[in-house]
Every structure is written in C-alpha cells, then in structure tokens.
C-alpha cells in the first residue's frame, strides 16, 4: 500500500486498513509507504518514505496494491502489470490542495486500468472484486499520456 509522497496526510486510508486488519478482514503480509500521514498503523509495518528502487521491488512482489490515485503510482502499477485499487486523496479531508485525484481515479475506472474505491468504506469490497478483475492492456509507458489527455478533455482544453 502507498499513500504517495505529497506533503499532506492520508490518515483516512491508513485507519481503514488498520481497522480491517484488526478485525481479521484483511490478512497476509501487508506493508505501507505512509508518507506524511501522522496516523501510525498498529497492525502492519510501514515506512514514511521508501527509496524508489525498494518501492519498485516491493510492488513487483505484491499481490494487491492499494494506492492513492496518484499518477506515478498508477503508472508504475500498470507498467508492472499489477492489479490495483486506487482511492483519491480529497481536498475536503485536507489530503491534497485540490481534487485532481478524483479525475485520475475516473480515468482508472473508465479505462479499466484498476479498481477505484470512492471512499475508504469500499476498500474491502474492492479487494474482493480484484480477484476476478482483468485490467485493460495498455502499452507500457502510455499511462501519463492517457491521464493527461483525459484531464485536458475534461477541462475543455485542446489535446
């Protein structure tokens, strides 16, 4: 799991994963890159920041990747062929400066790149759905262009 490196917390996601683990609803080896969050997980190991080579190695080994809806994590997961669940950081929860991650999550959903949890309460259901999920095949390295084109289209800018 990764909440990215943006300098605002994403405690909402960390708390929910911690709760699900404490209730035995999520099991297995869990690790999190927790970034600037100030919530300290009680039920799984974490590091605030992970060097990119170590992060990539962890992602290559994982079965399920839960991530903020950040372009870098989405792109890396797709390029490595990983099934993932994205959840957007939200401005109203002081998780980001704006709600652009909602747009990125919309691209993930519309292009069938991964699954999207619209709130933390959907995480467990999305983990269950991920077992039968088959992501769209996107040419490696094209995720940035796809996300950029979608965002420009949504904003009414020429491509």
N, C-alpha and C. Protein backbone atom coordinates (compact mmCIF):
# COMPACT_ATOMS: atom_id res chain seq x y z
N UNK A 1 0.85 -1.17 0.00
CA UNK A 1 0.00 0.00 0.00
C UNK A 1 0.90 1.23 0.00
N UNK A 2 0.43 2.28 -0.68
CA UNK A 2 1.18 3.52 -0.73
C UNK A 2 0.23 4.71 -0.75
N UNK A 3 0.56 5.71 0.05
CA UNK A 3 -0.21 6.95 0.04
C UNK A 3 0.53 8.06 -0.69
N UNK A 4 1.68 7.74 -1.28
CA UNK A 4 2.43 8.72 -2.03
C UNK A 4 3.30 9.58 -1.14
N UNK A 5 3.87 10.61 -1.76
CA UNK A 5 4.81 11.48 -1.05
C UNK A 5 4.32 12.92 -0.93
N UNK A 6 3.09 13.17 -1.32
CA UNK A 6 2.53 14.52 -1.21
C UNK A 6 2.61 14.97 0.25
N UNK A 7 2.94 16.24 0.50
CA UNK A 7 3.16 16.69 1.89
C UNK A 7 1.91 16.93 2.73
N UNK A 8 0.86 16.18 2.50
CA UNK A 8 -0.32 16.20 3.36
C UNK A 8 -0.65 14.76 3.73
N UNK A 9 -1.34 14.59 4.82
CA UNK A 9 -1.66 13.25 5.34
C UNK A 9 -2.71 12.54 4.49
N UNK A 10 -2.75 11.21 4.64
CA UNK A 10 -3.83 10.40 4.09
C UNK A 10 -4.23 9.39 5.17
N UNK A 11 -4.49 9.92 6.36
CA UNK A 11 -4.83 9.12 7.53
C UNK A 11 -6.08 8.28 7.32
N UNK A 12 -7.02 8.79 6.57
CA UNK A 12 -8.30 8.11 6.33
C UNK A 12 -8.07 6.69 5.78
N UNK A 13 -7.20 6.56 4.82
CA UNK A 13 -6.91 5.25 4.23
C UNK A 13 -6.16 4.36 5.23
N UNK A 14 -5.17 4.90 5.89
CA UNK A 14 -4.39 4.10 6.85
C UNK A 14 -5.26 3.58 7.98
N UNK A 15 -6.15 4.42 8.50
CA UNK A 15 -7.05 3.99 9.59
C UNK A 15 -7.95 2.84 9.14
N UNK A 16 -8.48 2.94 7.93
CA UNK A 16 -9.39 1.90 7.45
C UNK A 16 -8.67 0.57 7.25
N UNK A 17 -7.49 0.59 6.69
CA UNK A 17 -6.73 -0.65 6.51
C UNK A 17 -6.39 -1.24 7.89
N UNK A 18 -5.98 -0.38 8.80
CA UNK A 18 -5.67 -0.84 10.16
C UNK A 18 -6.90 -1.49 10.81
N UNK A 19 -8.05 -0.88 10.66
CA UNK A 19 -9.30 -1.42 11.22
C UNK A 19 -9.63 -2.78 10.61
N UNK A 20 -9.53 -2.88 9.29
CA UNK A 20 -9.85 -4.13 8.60
C UNK A 20 -8.91 -5.26 9.03
N UNK A 21 -7.65 -4.93 9.22
CA UNK A 21 -6.69 -5.94 9.69
C UNK A 21 -7.02 -6.34 11.12
N UNK A 22 -7.32 -5.37 11.97
CA UNK A 22 -7.61 -5.68 13.39
C UNK A 22 -8.85 -6.57 13.51
N UNK A 23 -9.78 -6.46 12.57
CA UNK A 23 -10.99 -7.28 12.58
C UNK A 23 -10.79 -8.62 11.86
N UNK A 24 -9.59 -8.84 11.31
CA UNK A 24 -9.31 -10.08 10.60
C UNK A 24 -9.92 -10.14 9.22
N UNK A 25 -10.36 -9.01 8.69
CA UNK A 25 -10.99 -8.99 7.37
C UNK A 25 -9.98 -8.86 6.25
N UNK A 26 -8.78 -8.38 6.58
CA UNK A 26 -7.64 -8.38 5.66
C UNK A 26 -6.53 -9.14 6.38
N UNK A 27 -5.94 -10.10 5.66
CA UNK A 27 -4.85 -10.89 6.24
C UNK A 27 -3.69 -10.93 5.27
N UNK A 28 -2.60 -11.50 5.69
CA UNK A 28 -1.45 -11.65 4.82
C UNK A 28 -0.35 -10.66 5.20
N UNK A 29 0.66 -10.62 4.37
CA UNK A 29 1.77 -9.71 4.57
C UNK A 29 1.40 -8.35 4.02
N UNK A 30 1.36 -7.38 4.87
CA UNK A 30 0.96 -6.04 4.47
C UNK A 30 2.08 -5.09 4.81
N UNK A 31 2.36 -4.19 3.88
CA UNK A 31 3.36 -3.16 4.11
C UNK A 31 2.84 -1.86 3.51
N UNK A 32 3.22 -0.75 4.13
CA UNK A 32 2.73 0.54 3.64
C UNK A 32 3.84 1.58 3.61
N UNK A 33 3.85 2.35 2.54
CA UNK A 33 4.64 3.58 2.46
C UNK A 33 3.65 4.65 2.87
N UNK A 34 3.83 5.22 4.09
CA UNK A 34 2.81 6.07 4.70
C UNK A 34 2.99 7.57 4.50
N UNK A 35 4.08 7.98 3.89
CA UNK A 35 4.28 9.39 3.56
C UNK A 35 4.18 10.33 4.75
N UNK A 36 3.52 11.44 4.54
CA UNK A 36 3.41 12.49 5.55
C UNK A 36 2.23 12.28 6.50
N UNK A 37 1.60 11.13 6.45
CA UNK A 37 0.49 10.86 7.36
C UNK A 37 1.00 10.85 8.80
N UNK A 38 0.16 11.32 9.71
CA UNK A 38 0.57 11.28 11.11
C UNK A 38 -0.12 10.16 11.89
N UNK A 39 -1.02 9.44 11.23
CA UNK A 39 -1.59 8.25 11.85
C UNK A 39 -0.54 7.15 11.80
N UNK A 40 -0.29 6.50 12.91
CA UNK A 40 0.70 5.44 12.99
C UNK A 40 -0.01 4.09 13.06
N UNK A 41 0.07 3.29 11.99
CA UNK A 41 -0.61 2.00 11.97
C UNK A 41 -0.17 1.10 13.13
N UNK A 42 -1.13 0.39 13.67
CA UNK A 42 -0.88 -0.50 14.80
C UNK A 42 -0.74 -1.96 14.35
N UNK A 43 -1.30 -2.29 13.19
CA UNK A 43 -1.43 -3.69 12.79
C UNK A 43 -0.65 -4.08 11.54
N UNK A 44 0.17 -3.19 11.03
CA UNK A 44 1.01 -3.55 9.88
C UNK A 44 2.24 -2.66 9.85
N UNK A 45 3.33 -3.19 9.28
CA UNK A 45 4.57 -2.40 9.20
C UNK A 45 4.46 -1.32 8.14
N UNK A 46 5.22 -0.26 8.35
CA UNK A 46 5.20 0.87 7.42
C UNK A 46 6.53 1.61 7.49
N UNK A 47 6.79 2.36 6.48
CA UNK A 47 7.88 3.33 6.44
C UNK A 47 7.29 4.60 5.88
N UNK A 48 7.71 5.72 6.40
CA UNK A 48 7.22 7.00 5.89
C UNK A 48 7.55 7.13 4.40
N UNK A 49 8.80 6.88 4.06
CA UNK A 49 9.25 7.01 2.67
C UNK A 49 10.16 5.83 2.33
N UNK A 50 10.02 5.37 1.10
CA UNK A 50 10.79 4.22 0.62
C UNK A 50 11.53 4.66 -0.64
N UNK A 51 12.84 4.41 -0.71
CA UNK A 51 13.58 4.74 -1.94
C UNK A 51 12.92 4.07 -3.15
N UNK A 52 12.98 4.72 -4.29
CA UNK A 52 12.25 4.26 -5.48
C UNK A 52 12.62 2.83 -5.87
N UNK A 53 13.88 2.45 -5.78
CA UNK A 53 14.26 1.07 -6.14
C UNK A 53 13.63 0.06 -5.20
N UNK A 54 13.61 0.37 -3.91
CA UNK A 54 12.98 -0.51 -2.93
C UNK A 54 11.46 -0.55 -3.14
N UNK A 55 10.88 0.62 -3.44
CA UNK A 55 9.45 0.70 -3.69
C UNK A 55 9.07 -0.18 -4.88
N UNK A 56 9.82 -0.07 -5.95
CA UNK A 56 9.55 -0.87 -7.14
C UNK A 56 9.67 -2.37 -6.83
N UNK A 57 10.69 -2.74 -6.06
CA UNK A 57 10.88 -4.14 -5.68
C UNK A 57 9.69 -4.65 -4.85
N UNK A 58 9.24 -3.84 -3.89
CA UNK A 58 8.07 -4.22 -3.08
C UNK A 58 6.83 -4.38 -3.95
N UNK A 59 6.65 -3.45 -4.88
CA UNK A 59 5.49 -3.51 -5.77
C UNK A 59 5.54 -4.74 -6.68
N UNK A 60 6.71 -5.07 -7.17
CA UNK A 60 6.86 -6.26 -8.02
C UNK A 60 6.44 -7.53 -7.29
N UNK A 61 6.67 -7.58 -5.97
CA UNK A 61 6.39 -8.78 -5.18
C UNK A 61 4.96 -8.84 -4.66
N UNK A 62 4.25 -7.73 -4.66
CA UNK A 62 2.93 -7.72 -4.01
C UNK A 62 1.85 -8.35 -4.90
N UNK A 63 0.82 -8.87 -4.22
CA UNK A 63 -0.32 -9.45 -4.92
C UNK A 63 -1.41 -8.42 -5.14
N UNK A 64 -1.60 -7.55 -4.15
CA UNK A 64 -2.62 -6.50 -4.22
C UNK A 64 -1.96 -5.18 -3.86
N UNK A 65 -2.19 -4.17 -4.67
CA UNK A 65 -1.62 -2.85 -4.43
C UNK A 65 -2.76 -1.87 -4.22
N UNK A 66 -2.80 -1.29 -3.05
CA UNK A 66 -3.77 -0.24 -2.74
C UNK A 66 -2.99 1.07 -2.72
N UNK A 67 -3.46 2.05 -3.47
CA UNK A 67 -2.71 3.28 -3.64
C UNK A 67 -3.61 4.50 -3.68
N UNK A 68 -3.02 5.64 -3.33
CA UNK A 68 -3.71 6.90 -3.59
C UNK A 68 -3.82 7.01 -5.11
N UNK A 69 -4.68 7.86 -5.60
CA UNK A 69 -4.87 7.97 -7.05
C UNK A 69 -3.86 8.95 -7.64
N UNK A 70 -2.60 8.65 -7.41
CA UNK A 70 -1.51 9.47 -7.92
C UNK A 70 -0.99 8.91 -9.23
N UNK A 71 -0.68 9.79 -10.14
CA UNK A 71 -0.24 9.41 -11.48
C UNK A 71 0.97 8.48 -11.45
N UNK A 72 1.96 8.77 -10.60
CA UNK A 72 3.17 7.95 -10.55
C UNK A 72 2.90 6.52 -10.12
N UNK A 73 2.13 6.36 -9.05
CA UNK A 73 1.82 5.01 -8.56
C UNK A 73 0.94 4.24 -9.54
N UNK A 74 -0.03 4.93 -10.12
CA UNK A 74 -0.90 4.28 -11.11
C UNK A 74 -0.06 3.81 -12.29
N UNK A 75 0.79 4.68 -12.80
CA UNK A 75 1.63 4.33 -13.94
C UNK A 75 2.57 3.17 -13.65
N UNK A 76 3.21 3.20 -12.50
CA UNK A 76 4.13 2.13 -12.14
C UNK A 76 3.39 0.80 -11.99
N UNK A 77 2.25 0.82 -11.33
CA UNK A 77 1.46 -0.41 -11.17
C UNK A 77 1.07 -0.98 -12.53
N UNK A 78 0.59 -0.13 -13.42
CA UNK A 78 0.20 -0.61 -14.76
C UNK A 78 1.40 -1.14 -15.53
N UNK A 79 2.52 -0.42 -15.47
CA UNK A 79 3.71 -0.85 -16.20
C UNK A 79 4.26 -2.18 -15.69
N UNK A 80 4.01 -2.47 -14.41
CA UNK A 80 4.45 -3.75 -13.84
C UNK A 80 3.37 -4.83 -13.94
N UNK A 81 2.23 -4.48 -14.52
CA UNK A 81 1.15 -5.45 -14.70
C UNK A 81 0.46 -5.83 -13.40
N UNK A 82 0.43 -4.92 -12.43
CA UNK A 82 -0.17 -5.20 -11.13
C UNK A 82 -1.64 -4.80 -11.10
N UNK A 83 -2.44 -5.65 -10.48
CA UNK A 83 -3.83 -5.28 -10.19
C UNK A 83 -3.78 -4.30 -9.02
N UNK A 84 -4.60 -3.26 -9.10
CA UNK A 84 -4.55 -2.28 -8.03
C UNK A 84 -5.91 -1.67 -7.75
N UNK A 85 -5.99 -1.10 -6.56
CA UNK A 85 -7.15 -0.34 -6.12
C UNK A 85 -6.67 1.07 -5.84
N UNK A 86 -7.30 2.04 -6.46
CA UNK A 86 -6.94 3.44 -6.23
C UNK A 86 -8.04 4.13 -5.43
N UNK A 87 -7.63 5.00 -4.54
CA UNK A 87 -8.56 5.83 -3.79
C UNK A 87 -8.00 7.24 -3.79
N UNK A 88 -8.85 8.18 -4.16
CA UNK A 88 -8.40 9.57 -4.32
C UNK A 88 -8.21 10.27 -2.98
N UNK A 89 -7.12 11.01 -2.89
CA UNK A 89 -6.96 11.96 -1.79
C UNK A 89 -7.97 13.08 -2.06
N UNK A 90 -8.54 13.65 -1.00
CA UNK A 90 -9.58 14.65 -1.17
C UNK A 90 -9.22 15.96 -0.46
N UNK A 91 -9.49 17.05 -1.12
CA UNK A 91 -9.24 18.37 -0.56
C UNK A 91 -10.04 18.58 0.73
N UNK A 92 -11.31 18.17 0.74
CA UNK A 92 -12.17 18.42 1.90
C UNK A 92 -11.72 17.69 3.16
N UNK A 93 -10.82 16.70 3.01
CA UNK A 93 -10.27 15.99 4.17
C UNK A 93 -8.84 16.45 4.45
N UNK A 94 -8.43 17.54 3.83
CA UNK A 94 -7.06 18.08 3.96
C UNK A 94 -6.00 17.06 3.54
N UNK A 95 -6.32 16.29 2.50
CA UNK A 95 -5.40 15.28 1.98
C UNK A 95 -4.65 15.77 0.75
N UNK A 96 -5.14 16.84 0.16
CA UNK A 96 -4.49 17.43 -1.02
C UNK A 96 -4.95 18.87 -1.17
N UNK A 97 -4.30 19.59 -2.06
CA UNK A 97 -4.65 21.01 -2.26
C UNK A 97 -5.85 21.19 -3.18
N UNK A 98 -6.20 20.15 -3.94
CA UNK A 98 -7.36 20.19 -4.82
C UNK A 98 -7.86 18.76 -5.01
N UNK A 99 -8.86 18.58 -5.86
CA UNK A 99 -9.44 17.24 -6.05
C UNK A 99 -9.06 16.61 -7.39
N UNK A 100 -7.88 16.91 -7.90
CA UNK A 100 -7.48 16.33 -9.19
C UNK A 100 -7.39 14.81 -9.13
N UNK A 101 -7.16 14.22 -7.96
CA UNK A 101 -7.09 12.75 -7.90
C UNK A 101 -8.44 12.10 -8.18
N UNK A 102 -9.52 12.83 -7.97
CA UNK A 102 -10.84 12.30 -8.37
C UNK A 102 -10.88 12.10 -9.88
N UNK A 103 -10.28 13.04 -10.62
CA UNK A 103 -10.22 12.92 -12.08
C UNK A 103 -9.34 11.75 -12.49
N UNK A 104 -8.20 11.60 -11.82
CA UNK A 104 -7.32 10.47 -12.14
C UNK A 104 -8.00 9.14 -11.83
N UNK A 105 -8.73 9.09 -10.72
CA UNK A 105 -9.47 7.86 -10.38
C UNK A 105 -10.53 7.57 -11.44
N UNK A 106 -11.15 8.62 -11.96
CA UNK A 106 -12.16 8.45 -13.00
C UNK A 106 -11.54 7.83 -14.26
N UNK A 107 -10.32 8.24 -14.60
CA UNK A 107 -9.63 7.65 -15.75
C UNK A 107 -9.35 6.17 -15.49
N UNK A 108 -8.88 5.86 -14.29
CA UNK A 108 -8.60 4.46 -13.93
C UNK A 108 -9.84 3.62 -14.15
N UNK A 109 -10.97 4.14 -13.70
CA UNK A 109 -12.23 3.40 -13.81
C UNK A 109 -12.70 3.31 -15.26
N UNK A 110 -12.73 4.42 -15.97
CA UNK A 110 -13.24 4.43 -17.34
C UNK A 110 -12.37 3.64 -18.30
N UNK A 111 -11.07 3.65 -18.08
CA UNK A 111 -10.15 2.93 -18.96
C UNK A 111 -9.91 1.50 -18.49
N UNK A 112 -10.57 1.11 -17.37
CA UNK A 112 -10.46 -0.25 -16.83
C UNK A 112 -9.01 -0.61 -16.49
N UNK A 113 -8.28 0.37 -15.94
CA UNK A 113 -6.89 0.14 -15.58
C UNK A 113 -6.76 -0.57 -14.23
N UNK A 114 -7.69 -0.29 -13.33
CA UNK A 114 -7.70 -0.85 -11.99
C UNK A 114 -9.08 -0.62 -11.41
N UNK A 115 -9.22 -0.90 -10.14
CA UNK A 115 -10.48 -0.64 -9.46
C UNK A 115 -10.36 0.64 -8.65
N UNK A 116 -11.48 1.29 -8.42
CA UNK A 116 -11.49 2.55 -7.67
C UNK A 116 -12.44 2.41 -6.49
N UNK A 117 -11.92 2.74 -5.32
CA UNK A 117 -12.76 2.85 -4.12
C UNK A 117 -13.10 4.32 -3.98
N UNK A 118 -14.37 4.64 -4.05
CA UNK A 118 -14.77 6.05 -3.98
C UNK A 118 -14.70 6.59 -2.56
N UNK A 119 -14.67 5.68 -1.59
CA UNK A 119 -14.46 6.06 -0.19
C UNK A 119 -13.74 4.91 0.48
N UNK A 120 -13.22 5.17 1.66
CA UNK A 120 -12.49 4.12 2.38
C UNK A 120 -13.41 2.95 2.74
N UNK A 121 -14.70 3.20 2.86
CA UNK A 121 -15.63 2.12 3.21
C UNK A 121 -15.78 1.10 2.08
N UNK A 122 -15.33 1.40 0.88
CA UNK A 122 -15.42 0.47 -0.25
C UNK A 122 -14.18 -0.40 -0.42
N UNK A 123 -13.14 -0.17 0.37
CA UNK A 123 -11.87 -0.88 0.18
C UNK A 123 -12.05 -2.40 0.24
N UNK A 124 -12.69 -2.90 1.26
CA UNK A 124 -12.83 -4.35 1.41
C UNK A 124 -13.57 -4.95 0.22
N UNK A 125 -14.65 -4.34 -0.22
CA UNK A 125 -15.39 -4.85 -1.37
C UNK A 125 -14.52 -4.85 -2.63
N UNK A 126 -13.71 -3.81 -2.81
CA UNK A 126 -12.83 -3.74 -3.98
C UNK A 126 -11.75 -4.82 -3.92
N UNK A 127 -11.27 -5.15 -2.72
CA UNK A 127 -10.29 -6.24 -2.59
C UNK A 127 -10.92 -7.55 -3.05
N UNK A 128 -12.15 -7.78 -2.68
CA UNK A 128 -12.87 -8.98 -3.10
C UNK A 128 -13.05 -8.99 -4.62
N UNK A 129 -13.46 -7.86 -5.19
CA UNK A 129 -13.67 -7.75 -6.63
C UNK A 129 -12.38 -7.91 -7.43
N UNK A 130 -11.26 -7.53 -6.83
CA UNK A 130 -9.98 -7.56 -7.54
C UNK A 130 -9.59 -8.98 -7.97
N UNK A 131 -10.05 -9.98 -7.23
CA UNK A 131 -9.71 -11.36 -7.57
C UNK A 131 -10.14 -11.72 -9.00
N UNK A 132 -11.30 -11.26 -9.42
CA UNK A 132 -11.82 -11.58 -10.75
C UNK A 132 -11.60 -10.45 -11.77
N UNK A 133 -10.90 -9.42 -11.37
CA UNK A 133 -10.70 -8.25 -12.24
C UNK A 133 -9.60 -8.52 -13.26
N UNK A 134 -9.86 -8.14 -14.50
CA UNK A 134 -8.85 -8.21 -15.56
C UNK A 134 -8.64 -6.81 -16.11
N UNK A 135 -7.50 -6.21 -15.82
CA UNK A 135 -7.27 -4.84 -16.29
C UNK A 135 -7.07 -4.78 -17.80
N UNK A 136 -7.40 -3.63 -18.36
CA UNK A 136 -7.16 -3.40 -19.78
C UNK A 136 -5.66 -3.43 -20.04
N UNK A 137 -5.30 -3.88 -21.21
CA UNK A 137 -3.89 -3.91 -21.60
C UNK A 137 -3.54 -2.56 -22.22
N UNK A 138 -2.65 -1.86 -21.56
CA UNK A 138 -2.19 -0.55 -22.02
C UNK A 138 -0.70 -0.65 -22.29
N UNK A 139 -0.28 -0.11 -23.41
CA UNK A 139 1.13 -0.13 -23.76
C UNK A 139 1.96 0.48 -22.63
N UNK A 140 3.03 -0.19 -22.25
CA UNK A 140 3.90 0.30 -21.18
C UNK A 140 4.36 1.72 -21.49
N UNK A 141 4.30 2.55 -20.46
CA UNK A 141 4.76 3.92 -20.60
C UNK A 141 3.71 4.89 -21.11
N UNK A 142 2.50 4.42 -21.45
CA UNK A 142 1.48 5.30 -22.02
C UNK A 142 0.52 5.88 -20.98
N UNK A 143 0.63 5.49 -19.74
CA UNK A 143 -0.34 5.92 -18.74
C UNK A 143 -0.32 7.44 -18.56
N UNK A 144 0.84 8.05 -18.58
CA UNK A 144 0.93 9.50 -18.39
C UNK A 144 0.18 10.22 -19.51
N UNK A 145 0.35 9.78 -20.75
CA UNK A 145 -0.34 10.40 -21.87
C UNK A 145 -1.85 10.20 -21.77
N UNK A 146 -2.28 9.02 -21.36
CA UNK A 146 -3.71 8.74 -21.22
C UNK A 146 -4.32 9.63 -20.14
N UNK A 147 -3.67 9.71 -19.00
CA UNK A 147 -4.18 10.55 -17.91
C UNK A 147 -4.20 12.02 -18.31
N UNK A 148 -3.14 12.48 -18.99
CA UNK A 148 -3.06 13.87 -19.41
C UNK A 148 -4.14 14.20 -20.43
N UNK A 149 -4.33 13.34 -21.41
CA UNK A 149 -5.36 13.58 -22.44
C UNK A 149 -6.75 13.62 -21.82
N UNK A 150 -7.03 12.71 -20.92
CA UNK A 150 -8.34 12.67 -20.28
C UNK A 150 -8.58 13.95 -19.49
N UNK A 151 -7.58 14.36 -18.71
CA UNK A 151 -7.72 15.56 -17.89
C UNK A 151 -7.95 16.79 -18.76
N UNK A 152 -7.20 16.92 -19.82
CA UNK A 152 -7.38 18.07 -20.73
C UNK A 152 -8.77 18.06 -21.34
N UNK A 153 -9.23 16.88 -21.72
CA UNK A 153 -10.59 16.76 -22.31
C UNK A 153 -11.64 17.17 -21.30
N UNK A 154 -11.49 16.72 -20.06
CA UNK A 154 -12.44 17.07 -19.01
C UNK A 154 -12.46 18.56 -18.73
N UNK A 155 -11.30 19.19 -18.86
CA UNK A 155 -11.17 20.63 -18.59
C UNK A 155 -11.49 21.47 -19.82
N UNK A 156 -11.77 20.83 -20.94
CA UNK A 156 -12.15 21.54 -22.15
C UNK A 156 -10.99 22.11 -22.93
N UNK A 157 -9.79 21.63 -22.66
CA UNK A 157 -8.60 22.10 -23.38
C UNK A 157 -8.38 21.22 -24.60
N UNK A 158 -7.74 21.80 -25.63
CA UNK A 158 -7.41 21.01 -26.81
C UNK A 158 -6.31 20.02 -26.49
N UNK A 159 -6.39 18.84 -27.10
CA UNK A 159 -5.38 17.81 -26.87
C UNK A 159 -4.14 18.10 -27.65
